[in-house]
Amino acid sequence: MRRTRWTRWTRSRFTAALTLALLAGGKSAARKAAEVRECSAITMDAKGAAQCLVLQHNWNQTEALRAATVYQQHQDSLNQSRADSTWRADAGRHAREVSACATDPSGEVVRCLVGYGWADARAAAASDSLWRHDAAKHKNELTRCFVQRNMQPGACLQLYYKWSPERALAVDDSIARAKMKRR
């Protein structure tokens, strides 16, 4: 009998505590997460999702922005992880694409890699890596074009050594700035 009375008391206290928690806390964590997912699915960014939470689900603005931002960061992290995993799985193909673009007669490695479907940032990073790898060769090309007086070094680098216009123009700008400092 003593055991039964304790169990009834425990159950009633537990039920009362649970009811108070639900009334005090409002929504459950699962319900809040579902609302964040719902609003994030119909908006483009965390601010839009926060606005949706405030307007459609009566969230506090600060709490809504914090929850939407955390959810967006988590989703971005998952997407980047998937993309990196897929990228690493195709490493052999990417190495062949870099080799093909490195020998491209136009000299525009970034444009060539983007043509293979690379993202601009990855293509630029690969191009810069190839460029740094051949730094000694590029220094010799620059020296040869600099001593040649019948054309601008940037034009020489583009014409004879297939430098990208961006890199060749950067050389011309650098030379012009150096001449201005000497005066």
N, C-alpha and C. Protein backbone atom coordinates (compact mmCIF):
# COMPACT_ATOMS: atom_id res chain seq x y z
N MET A 1 0.82 -1.18 0.00
CA MET A 1 0.00 0.00 0.00
C MET A 1 0.87 1.26 0.00
N ARG A 2 1.93 1.22 0.75
CA ARG A 2 2.83 2.36 0.82
C ARG A 2 3.43 2.64 -0.56
N ARG A 3 3.75 1.61 -1.28
CA ARG A 3 4.34 1.74 -2.61
C ARG A 3 3.35 2.38 -3.58
N THR A 4 2.11 2.02 -3.52
CA THR A 4 1.09 2.56 -4.40
C THR A 4 0.90 4.05 -4.15
N ARG A 5 0.86 4.46 -2.88
CA ARG A 5 0.68 5.86 -2.55
C ARG A 5 1.86 6.69 -3.09
N TRP A 6 3.07 6.18 -2.96
CA TRP A 6 4.26 6.88 -3.47
C TRP A 6 4.19 7.01 -4.99
N THR A 7 3.76 5.96 -5.67
CA THR A 7 3.67 5.98 -7.12
C THR A 7 2.63 6.99 -7.58
N ARG A 8 1.46 7.03 -6.92
CA ARG A 8 0.43 8.00 -7.28
C ARG A 8 0.95 9.42 -7.06
N TRP A 9 1.63 9.65 -5.95
CA TRP A 9 2.16 10.97 -5.65
C TRP A 9 3.20 11.37 -6.70
N THR A 10 4.08 10.43 -7.06
CA THR A 10 5.11 10.70 -8.05
C THR A 10 4.49 11.01 -9.42
N ARG A 11 3.51 10.23 -9.80
CA ARG A 11 2.85 10.46 -11.09
C ARG A 11 2.16 11.82 -11.12
N SER A 12 1.48 12.14 -10.07
CA SER A 12 0.76 13.41 -10.06
C SER A 12 1.73 14.59 -10.07
N ARG A 13 2.83 14.47 -9.33
CA ARG A 13 3.83 15.54 -9.34
C ARG A 13 4.49 15.67 -10.72
N PHE A 14 4.80 14.51 -11.31
CA PHE A 14 5.41 14.51 -12.64
C PHE A 14 4.48 15.13 -13.66
N THR A 15 3.20 14.77 -13.62
CA THR A 15 2.22 15.33 -14.55
C THR A 15 2.09 16.84 -14.35
N ALA A 16 2.06 17.27 -13.11
CA ALA A 16 1.97 18.70 -12.82
C ALA A 16 3.21 19.44 -13.32
N ALA A 17 4.37 18.87 -13.10
CA ALA A 17 5.62 19.49 -13.54
C ALA A 17 5.68 19.57 -15.07
N LEU A 18 5.25 18.51 -15.73
CA LEU A 18 5.24 18.50 -17.18
C LEU A 18 4.27 19.53 -17.73
N THR A 19 3.12 19.63 -17.15
CA THR A 19 2.13 20.61 -17.58
C THR A 19 2.66 22.03 -17.41
N LEU A 20 3.28 22.29 -16.26
CA LEU A 20 3.87 23.61 -16.03
C LEU A 20 4.98 23.92 -17.04
N ALA A 21 5.79 22.94 -17.31
CA ALA A 21 6.88 23.15 -18.27
C ALA A 21 6.34 23.47 -19.65
N LEU A 22 5.31 22.74 -20.05
CA LEU A 22 4.73 22.99 -21.36
C LEU A 22 4.06 24.36 -21.42
N LEU A 23 3.37 24.73 -20.36
CA LEU A 23 2.72 26.04 -20.35
C LEU A 23 3.74 27.16 -20.27
N ALA A 24 4.78 26.96 -19.49
CA ALA A 24 5.80 28.00 -19.33
C ALA A 24 6.66 28.13 -20.57
N GLY A 25 7.08 27.02 -21.14
CA GLY A 25 7.99 27.03 -22.28
C GLY A 25 7.28 27.27 -23.60
N GLY A 26 6.01 27.12 -23.65
CA GLY A 26 5.28 27.31 -24.90
C GLY A 26 5.41 26.11 -25.80
N LYS A 27 6.26 26.23 -26.79
CA LYS A 27 6.42 25.19 -27.81
C LYS A 27 7.53 24.22 -27.44
N SER A 28 7.36 23.01 -27.87
CA SER A 28 8.41 22.01 -27.65
C SER A 28 9.57 22.27 -28.60
N ALA A 29 10.69 21.68 -28.29
CA ALA A 29 11.88 21.84 -29.13
C ALA A 29 11.62 21.26 -30.52
N ALA A 30 10.91 20.14 -30.57
CA ALA A 30 10.61 19.53 -31.86
C ALA A 30 9.71 20.43 -32.69
N ARG A 31 8.75 21.06 -32.05
CA ARG A 31 7.83 21.96 -32.75
C ARG A 31 8.60 23.19 -33.28
N LYS A 32 9.48 23.74 -32.45
CA LYS A 32 10.27 24.89 -32.88
C LYS A 32 11.17 24.52 -34.06
N ALA A 33 11.80 23.36 -33.99
CA ALA A 33 12.67 22.92 -35.08
C ALA A 33 11.88 22.75 -36.37
N ALA A 34 10.67 22.22 -36.26
CA ALA A 34 9.83 22.05 -37.45
C ALA A 34 9.47 23.41 -38.05
N GLU A 35 9.19 24.38 -37.21
CA GLU A 35 8.85 25.72 -37.69
C GLU A 35 10.07 26.37 -38.37
N VAL A 36 11.24 26.18 -37.80
CA VAL A 36 12.46 26.75 -38.41
C VAL A 36 12.70 26.10 -39.77
N ARG A 37 12.56 24.78 -39.86
CA ARG A 37 12.74 24.08 -41.14
C ARG A 37 11.73 24.57 -42.17
N GLU A 38 10.49 24.72 -41.74
CA GLU A 38 9.43 25.17 -42.64
C GLU A 38 9.72 26.56 -43.20
N CYS A 39 10.09 27.48 -42.33
CA CYS A 39 10.37 28.85 -42.78
C CYS A 39 11.65 28.93 -43.61
N SER A 40 12.63 28.14 -43.26
CA SER A 40 13.88 28.14 -44.03
C SER A 40 13.68 27.58 -45.43
N ALA A 41 12.73 26.67 -45.57
CA ALA A 41 12.48 26.06 -46.87
C ALA A 41 11.85 27.04 -47.86
N ILE A 42 11.17 28.07 -47.35
CA ILE A 42 10.46 28.99 -48.25
C ILE A 42 11.14 30.34 -48.38
N THR A 43 12.33 30.50 -47.77
CA THR A 43 13.04 31.77 -47.86
C THR A 43 14.46 31.53 -48.37
N MET A 44 15.13 32.62 -48.69
CA MET A 44 16.47 32.53 -49.28
C MET A 44 17.60 32.66 -48.25
N ASP A 45 17.31 33.27 -47.10
CA ASP A 45 18.38 33.50 -46.13
C ASP A 45 17.83 33.46 -44.71
N ALA A 46 18.72 33.60 -43.74
CA ALA A 46 18.33 33.53 -42.34
C ALA A 46 17.41 34.69 -41.93
N LYS A 47 17.65 35.87 -42.49
CA LYS A 47 16.79 37.01 -42.15
C LYS A 47 15.36 36.77 -42.62
N GLY A 48 15.22 36.21 -43.81
CA GLY A 48 13.89 35.90 -44.32
C GLY A 48 13.20 34.82 -43.48
N ALA A 49 13.96 33.82 -43.09
CA ALA A 49 13.40 32.75 -42.24
C ALA A 49 13.00 33.31 -40.89
N ALA A 50 13.79 34.21 -40.33
CA ALA A 50 13.45 34.84 -39.05
C ALA A 50 12.17 35.65 -39.17
N GLN A 51 12.04 36.38 -40.25
CA GLN A 51 10.83 37.17 -40.47
C GLN A 51 9.61 36.26 -40.58
N CYS A 52 9.75 35.14 -41.26
CA CYS A 52 8.68 34.15 -41.38
C CYS A 52 8.30 33.61 -40.01
N LEU A 53 9.30 33.30 -39.19
CA LEU A 53 9.03 32.78 -37.85
C LEU A 53 8.26 33.79 -37.00
N VAL A 54 8.62 35.05 -37.11
CA VAL A 54 7.96 36.09 -36.34
C VAL A 54 6.51 36.26 -36.81
N LEU A 55 6.33 36.34 -38.13
CA LEU A 55 5.00 36.62 -38.66
C LEU A 55 4.06 35.41 -38.62
N GLN A 56 4.56 34.25 -38.95
CA GLN A 56 3.68 33.09 -39.07
C GLN A 56 3.58 32.27 -37.80
N HIS A 57 4.59 32.31 -36.95
CA HIS A 57 4.60 31.43 -35.77
C HIS A 57 4.78 32.19 -34.46
N ASN A 58 4.68 33.52 -34.52
CA ASN A 58 4.72 34.38 -33.33
C ASN A 58 5.98 34.20 -32.48
N TRP A 59 7.12 34.14 -33.13
CA TRP A 59 8.39 34.05 -32.41
C TRP A 59 8.85 35.43 -32.00
N ASN A 60 9.70 35.47 -31.00
CA ASN A 60 10.41 36.68 -30.62
C ASN A 60 11.44 36.95 -31.72
N GLN A 61 11.62 38.20 -32.13
CA GLN A 61 12.52 38.56 -33.24
C GLN A 61 13.95 38.08 -33.00
N THR A 62 14.48 38.31 -31.82
CA THR A 62 15.86 37.93 -31.51
C THR A 62 16.03 36.42 -31.54
N GLU A 63 15.11 35.71 -30.91
CA GLU A 63 15.18 34.25 -30.88
C GLU A 63 15.01 33.67 -32.29
N ALA A 64 14.13 34.28 -33.07
CA ALA A 64 13.90 33.81 -34.44
C ALA A 64 15.15 33.97 -35.30
N LEU A 65 15.80 35.12 -35.20
CA LEU A 65 17.01 35.36 -35.99
C LEU A 65 18.13 34.41 -35.57
N ARG A 66 18.27 34.19 -34.27
CA ARG A 66 19.30 33.28 -33.78
C ARG A 66 19.05 31.85 -34.28
N ALA A 67 17.82 31.39 -34.15
CA ALA A 67 17.49 30.02 -34.58
C ALA A 67 17.64 29.86 -36.09
N ALA A 68 17.19 30.85 -36.85
CA ALA A 68 17.30 30.77 -38.31
C ALA A 68 18.77 30.80 -38.76
N THR A 69 19.58 31.62 -38.10
CA THR A 69 21.00 31.71 -38.44
C THR A 69 21.71 30.40 -38.14
N VAL A 70 21.45 29.83 -36.98
CA VAL A 70 22.07 28.55 -36.61
C VAL A 70 21.66 27.47 -37.61
N TYR A 71 20.38 27.43 -37.96
CA TYR A 71 19.90 26.43 -38.91
C TYR A 71 20.56 26.62 -40.28
N GLN A 72 20.66 27.88 -40.74
CA GLN A 72 21.27 28.16 -42.04
C GLN A 72 22.74 27.78 -42.04
N GLN A 73 23.45 28.08 -40.98
CA GLN A 73 24.86 27.72 -40.89
C GLN A 73 25.03 26.20 -40.92
N HIS A 74 24.15 25.50 -40.24
CA HIS A 74 24.21 24.03 -40.24
C HIS A 74 23.96 23.48 -41.65
N GLN A 75 22.97 24.03 -42.34
CA GLN A 75 22.67 23.58 -43.69
C GLN A 75 23.82 23.90 -44.65
N ASP A 76 24.41 25.07 -44.51
CA ASP A 76 25.55 25.44 -45.35
C ASP A 76 26.72 24.50 -45.11
N SER A 77 26.96 24.16 -43.85
CA SER A 77 28.04 23.23 -43.51
C SER A 77 27.80 21.86 -44.12
N LEU A 78 26.58 21.36 -44.03
CA LEU A 78 26.25 20.07 -44.63
C LEU A 78 26.44 20.09 -46.14
N ASN A 79 25.96 21.16 -46.77
CA ASN A 79 26.09 21.26 -48.23
C ASN A 79 27.54 21.34 -48.66
N GLN A 80 28.36 22.09 -47.91
CA GLN A 80 29.78 22.19 -48.25
C GLN A 80 30.48 20.85 -48.05
N SER A 81 30.11 20.14 -47.01
CA SER A 81 30.69 18.82 -46.76
C SER A 81 30.36 17.85 -47.89
N ARG A 82 29.12 17.88 -48.33
CA ARG A 82 28.72 17.02 -49.47
C ARG A 82 29.48 17.40 -50.73
N ALA A 83 29.58 18.70 -50.98
CA ALA A 83 30.28 19.15 -52.19
C ALA A 83 31.76 18.76 -52.14
N ASP A 84 32.39 18.93 -50.99
CA ASP A 84 33.79 18.55 -50.85
C ASP A 84 33.99 17.06 -51.02
N SER A 85 33.08 16.28 -50.49
CA SER A 85 33.17 14.83 -50.62
C SER A 85 33.05 14.41 -52.08
N THR A 86 32.10 14.99 -52.76
CA THR A 86 31.93 14.70 -54.19
C THR A 86 33.16 15.14 -54.97
N TRP A 87 33.69 16.29 -54.61
CA TRP A 87 34.87 16.82 -55.29
C TRP A 87 36.06 15.87 -55.12
N ARG A 88 36.27 15.39 -53.90
CA ARG A 88 37.39 14.48 -53.65
C ARG A 88 37.19 13.15 -54.37
N ALA A 89 35.96 12.72 -54.51
CA ALA A 89 35.69 11.46 -55.20
C ALA A 89 36.08 11.55 -56.68
N ASP A 90 36.01 12.75 -57.24
CA ASP A 90 36.35 12.95 -58.65
C ASP A 90 37.75 13.53 -58.84
N ALA A 91 38.63 13.31 -57.90
CA ALA A 91 39.97 13.92 -57.92
C ALA A 91 40.76 13.55 -59.18
N GLY A 92 40.66 12.32 -59.62
CA GLY A 92 41.39 11.91 -60.82
C GLY A 92 40.95 12.68 -62.05
N ARG A 93 39.66 12.85 -62.20
CA ARG A 93 39.13 13.60 -63.34
C ARG A 93 39.58 15.06 -63.24
N HIS A 94 39.56 15.62 -62.04
CA HIS A 94 39.97 17.01 -61.87
C HIS A 94 41.44 17.20 -62.20
N ALA A 95 42.27 16.25 -61.85
CA ALA A 95 43.70 16.34 -62.17
C ALA A 95 43.89 16.35 -63.69
N ARG A 96 43.13 15.52 -64.39
CA ARG A 96 43.23 15.51 -65.87
C ARG A 96 42.75 16.84 -66.45
N GLU A 97 41.72 17.43 -65.88
CA GLU A 97 41.22 18.71 -66.36
C GLU A 97 42.25 19.82 -66.13
N VAL A 98 42.90 19.80 -64.97
CA VAL A 98 43.93 20.81 -64.70
C VAL A 98 45.09 20.65 -65.68
N SER A 99 45.50 19.41 -65.95
CA SER A 99 46.59 19.18 -66.91
C SER A 99 46.21 19.67 -68.30
N ALA A 100 44.98 19.40 -68.70
CA ALA A 100 44.53 19.84 -70.02
C ALA A 100 44.50 21.37 -70.10
N CYS A 101 44.03 22.01 -69.05
CA CYS A 101 43.93 23.46 -69.06
C CYS A 101 45.30 24.13 -68.93
N ALA A 102 46.24 23.48 -68.26
CA ALA A 102 47.58 24.04 -68.12
C ALA A 102 48.28 24.12 -69.47
N THR A 103 47.94 23.23 -70.36
CA THR A 103 48.56 23.23 -71.69
C THR A 103 47.68 23.91 -72.73
N ASP A 104 46.58 24.50 -72.31
CA ASP A 104 45.67 25.21 -73.22
C ASP A 104 46.42 26.36 -73.88
N PRO A 105 46.40 26.45 -75.21
CA PRO A 105 47.16 27.50 -75.91
C PRO A 105 46.72 28.92 -75.56
N SER A 106 45.50 29.10 -75.12
CA SER A 106 45.05 30.46 -74.80
C SER A 106 45.71 30.98 -73.53
N GLY A 107 46.15 30.07 -72.65
CA GLY A 107 46.78 30.48 -71.40
C GLY A 107 45.79 30.88 -70.32
N GLU A 108 44.51 30.80 -70.59
CA GLU A 108 43.50 31.19 -69.60
C GLU A 108 42.98 29.96 -68.87
N VAL A 109 43.69 29.59 -67.84
CA VAL A 109 43.39 28.38 -67.08
C VAL A 109 42.03 28.48 -66.39
N VAL A 110 41.74 29.62 -65.81
CA VAL A 110 40.47 29.77 -65.09
C VAL A 110 39.29 29.56 -66.04
N ARG A 111 39.32 30.22 -67.17
CA ARG A 111 38.23 30.10 -68.14
C ARG A 111 38.09 28.66 -68.61
N CYS A 112 39.20 28.00 -68.83
CA CYS A 112 39.19 26.60 -69.26
C CYS A 112 38.57 25.70 -68.20
N LEU A 113 38.95 25.88 -66.94
CA LEU A 113 38.41 25.05 -65.86
C LEU A 113 36.93 25.32 -65.63
N VAL A 114 36.53 26.57 -65.74
CA VAL A 114 35.11 26.90 -65.61
C VAL A 114 34.33 26.21 -66.74
N GLY A 115 34.95 26.09 -67.89
CA GLY A 115 34.32 25.37 -69.00
C GLY A 115 34.07 23.90 -68.68
N TYR A 116 34.89 23.33 -67.81
CA TYR A 116 34.68 21.95 -67.35
C TYR A 116 33.63 21.87 -66.25
N GLY A 117 33.12 23.02 -65.81
CA GLY A 117 32.10 23.03 -64.77
C GLY A 117 32.62 23.36 -63.39
N TRP A 118 33.85 23.80 -63.29
CA TRP A 118 34.42 24.16 -62.00
C TRP A 118 33.77 25.46 -61.50
N ALA A 119 33.67 25.62 -60.20
CA ALA A 119 33.23 26.88 -59.60
C ALA A 119 34.35 27.90 -59.80
N ASP A 120 33.99 29.15 -59.92
CA ASP A 120 34.98 30.20 -60.17
C ASP A 120 36.09 30.22 -59.11
N ALA A 121 35.71 30.08 -57.84
CA ALA A 121 36.71 30.14 -56.76
C ALA A 121 37.68 28.97 -56.84
N ARG A 122 37.19 27.77 -57.12
CA ARG A 122 38.08 26.60 -57.24
C ARG A 122 38.99 26.75 -58.46
N ALA A 123 38.42 27.23 -59.55
CA ALA A 123 39.21 27.40 -60.77
C ALA A 123 40.32 28.44 -60.55
N ALA A 124 39.99 29.53 -59.89
CA ALA A 124 41.00 30.56 -59.61
C ALA A 124 42.09 30.02 -58.69
N ALA A 125 41.71 29.25 -57.70
CA ALA A 125 42.70 28.67 -56.77
C ALA A 125 43.62 27.70 -57.49
N ALA A 126 43.05 26.89 -58.39
CA ALA A 126 43.89 25.94 -59.15
C ALA A 126 44.83 26.70 -60.08
N SER A 127 44.32 27.74 -60.70
CA SER A 127 45.16 28.55 -61.59
C SER A 127 46.31 29.20 -60.83
N ASP A 128 45.99 29.75 -59.67
CA ASP A 128 47.04 30.37 -58.85
C ASP A 128 48.08 29.34 -58.41
N SER A 129 47.63 28.15 -58.10
CA SER A 129 48.55 27.09 -57.70
C SER A 129 49.50 26.73 -58.85
N LEU A 130 48.94 26.59 -60.05
CA LEU A 130 49.78 26.32 -61.22
C LEU A 130 50.75 27.47 -61.46
N TRP A 131 50.28 28.68 -61.28
CA TRP A 131 51.11 29.86 -61.49
C TRP A 131 52.29 29.87 -60.52
N ARG A 132 52.01 29.61 -59.23
CA ARG A 132 53.09 29.59 -58.24
C ARG A 132 54.08 28.45 -58.51
N HIS A 133 53.58 27.35 -59.02
CA HIS A 133 54.45 26.20 -59.33
C HIS A 133 55.47 26.58 -60.40
N ASP A 134 55.08 27.42 -61.34
CA ASP A 134 55.96 27.82 -62.44
C ASP A 134 56.53 29.22 -62.23
N ALA A 135 56.70 29.64 -61.02
CA ALA A 135 57.14 31.00 -60.71
C ALA A 135 58.49 31.34 -61.33
N ALA A 136 59.44 30.42 -61.30
CA ALA A 136 60.77 30.70 -61.85
C ALA A 136 60.68 30.94 -63.36
N LYS A 137 59.89 30.14 -64.04
CA LYS A 137 59.70 30.30 -65.48
C LYS A 137 59.07 31.67 -65.78
N HIS A 138 58.07 32.05 -64.99
CA HIS A 138 57.40 33.34 -65.21
C HIS A 138 58.34 34.51 -64.95
N LYS A 139 59.23 34.36 -64.00
CA LYS A 139 60.19 35.43 -63.72
C LYS A 139 61.11 35.62 -64.92
N ASN A 140 61.56 34.54 -65.53
CA ASN A 140 62.41 34.64 -66.72
C ASN A 140 61.64 35.27 -67.88
N GLU A 141 60.38 34.91 -68.06
CA GLU A 141 59.56 35.50 -69.13
C GLU A 141 59.42 37.00 -68.91
N LEU A 142 59.17 37.38 -67.68
CA LEU A 142 59.02 38.80 -67.35
C LEU A 142 60.31 39.56 -67.64
N THR A 143 61.43 38.98 -67.27
CA THR A 143 62.72 39.62 -67.51
C THR A 143 62.95 39.82 -69.00
N ARG A 144 62.67 38.79 -69.81
CA ARG A 144 62.84 38.89 -71.26
C ARG A 144 61.95 39.98 -71.86
N CYS A 145 60.73 40.08 -71.39
CA CYS A 145 59.82 41.09 -71.93
C CYS A 145 60.17 42.49 -71.42
N PHE A 146 60.71 42.58 -70.24
CA PHE A 146 61.04 43.88 -69.69
C PHE A 146 62.20 44.52 -70.42
N VAL A 147 63.19 43.74 -70.81
CA VAL A 147 64.35 44.30 -71.51
C VAL A 147 64.03 44.60 -72.97
N GLN A 148 62.97 44.03 -73.48
CA GLN A 148 62.56 44.30 -74.86
C GLN A 148 61.86 45.67 -74.88
N ARG A 149 62.39 46.61 -75.62
CA ARG A 149 61.90 47.99 -75.56
C ARG A 149 60.85 48.33 -76.63
N ASN A 150 60.55 47.44 -77.56
CA ASN A 150 59.65 47.80 -78.64
C ASN A 150 58.16 47.59 -78.32
N MET A 151 57.83 47.06 -77.13
CA MET A 151 56.42 46.93 -76.73
C MET A 151 56.32 46.88 -75.21
N GLN A 152 55.12 47.13 -74.75
CA GLN A 152 54.86 47.06 -73.31
C GLN A 152 55.13 45.65 -72.81
N PRO A 153 55.66 45.50 -71.60
CA PRO A 153 55.90 44.16 -71.06
C PRO A 153 54.63 43.31 -70.98
N GLY A 154 53.52 43.92 -70.61
CA GLY A 154 52.27 43.17 -70.51
C GLY A 154 51.82 42.60 -71.84
N ALA A 155 51.97 43.40 -72.90
CA ALA A 155 51.59 42.93 -74.24
C ALA A 155 52.53 41.81 -74.68
N CYS A 156 53.81 41.96 -74.39
CA CYS A 156 54.80 40.93 -74.72
C CYS A 156 54.47 39.61 -74.01
N LEU A 157 54.14 39.72 -72.73
CA LEU A 157 53.82 38.53 -71.93
C LEU A 157 52.58 37.82 -72.47
N GLN A 158 51.60 38.60 -72.90
CA GLN A 158 50.39 38.00 -73.46
C GLN A 158 50.67 37.36 -74.82
N LEU A 159 51.39 38.08 -75.64
CA LEU A 159 51.62 37.64 -77.01
C LEU A 159 52.56 36.43 -77.09
N TYR A 160 53.67 36.51 -76.43
CA TYR A 160 54.68 35.46 -76.58
C TYR A 160 54.58 34.33 -75.54
N TYR A 161 54.07 34.65 -74.36
CA TYR A 161 54.07 33.64 -73.29
C TYR A 161 52.66 33.25 -72.83
N LYS A 162 51.66 33.80 -73.48
CA LYS A 162 50.26 33.45 -73.20
C LYS A 162 49.83 33.70 -71.76
N TRP A 163 50.32 34.81 -71.20
CA TRP A 163 49.85 35.19 -69.87
C TRP A 163 48.41 35.66 -69.99
N SER A 164 47.64 35.49 -68.93
CA SER A 164 46.26 35.98 -68.94
C SER A 164 46.29 37.51 -68.96
N PRO A 165 45.27 38.13 -69.54
CA PRO A 165 45.24 39.60 -69.57
C PRO A 165 45.31 40.22 -68.17
N GLU A 166 44.67 39.56 -67.18
CA GLU A 166 44.69 40.12 -65.83
C GLU A 166 46.10 40.17 -65.26
N ARG A 167 46.85 39.09 -65.45
CA ARG A 167 48.22 39.06 -64.91
C ARG A 167 49.13 40.02 -65.68
N ALA A 168 48.99 40.07 -66.99
CA ALA A 168 49.83 40.95 -67.80
C ALA A 168 49.53 42.42 -67.49
N LEU A 169 48.26 42.76 -67.34
CA LEU A 169 47.92 44.15 -67.00
C LEU A 169 48.40 44.51 -65.59
N ALA A 170 48.38 43.55 -64.71
CA ALA A 170 48.91 43.79 -63.36
C ALA A 170 50.40 44.11 -63.41
N VAL A 171 51.12 43.45 -64.31
CA VAL A 171 52.55 43.73 -64.47
C VAL A 171 52.74 45.16 -64.99
N ASP A 172 51.97 45.52 -66.01
CA ASP A 172 52.07 46.88 -66.56
C ASP A 172 51.74 47.93 -65.49
N ASP A 173 50.72 47.69 -64.70
CA ASP A 173 50.35 48.63 -63.63
C ASP A 173 51.46 48.73 -62.59
N SER A 174 52.03 47.61 -62.26
CA SER A 174 53.11 47.60 -61.26
C SER A 174 54.32 48.39 -61.76
N ILE A 175 54.65 48.21 -63.01
CA ILE A 175 55.79 48.93 -63.59
C ILE A 175 55.49 50.43 -63.61
N ALA A 176 54.27 50.80 -64.00
CA ALA A 176 53.90 52.22 -64.04
C ALA A 176 53.96 52.84 -62.64
N ARG A 177 53.48 52.13 -61.62
CA ARG A 177 53.54 52.65 -60.25
C ARG A 177 54.98 52.81 -59.78
N ALA A 178 55.84 51.86 -60.14
CA ALA A 178 57.25 51.94 -59.74
C ALA A 178 57.91 53.14 -60.39
N LYS A 179 57.58 53.42 -61.67
CA LYS A 179 58.17 54.59 -62.35
C LYS A 179 57.68 55.88 -61.71
N MET A 180 56.43 55.90 -61.28
CA MET A 180 55.88 57.12 -60.65
C MET A 180 56.54 57.38 -59.30
N LYS A 181 56.89 56.34 -58.58
CA LYS A 181 57.52 56.51 -57.27
C LYS A 181 58.93 57.06 -57.42
N ARG A 182 59.61 56.75 -58.52
CA ARG A 182 60.98 57.19 -58.73
C ARG A 182 61.04 58.68 -59.01
N ARG A 183 59.98 59.23 -59.54
CA ARG A 183 60.01 60.65 -59.92
C ARG A 183 59.90 61.57 -58.76
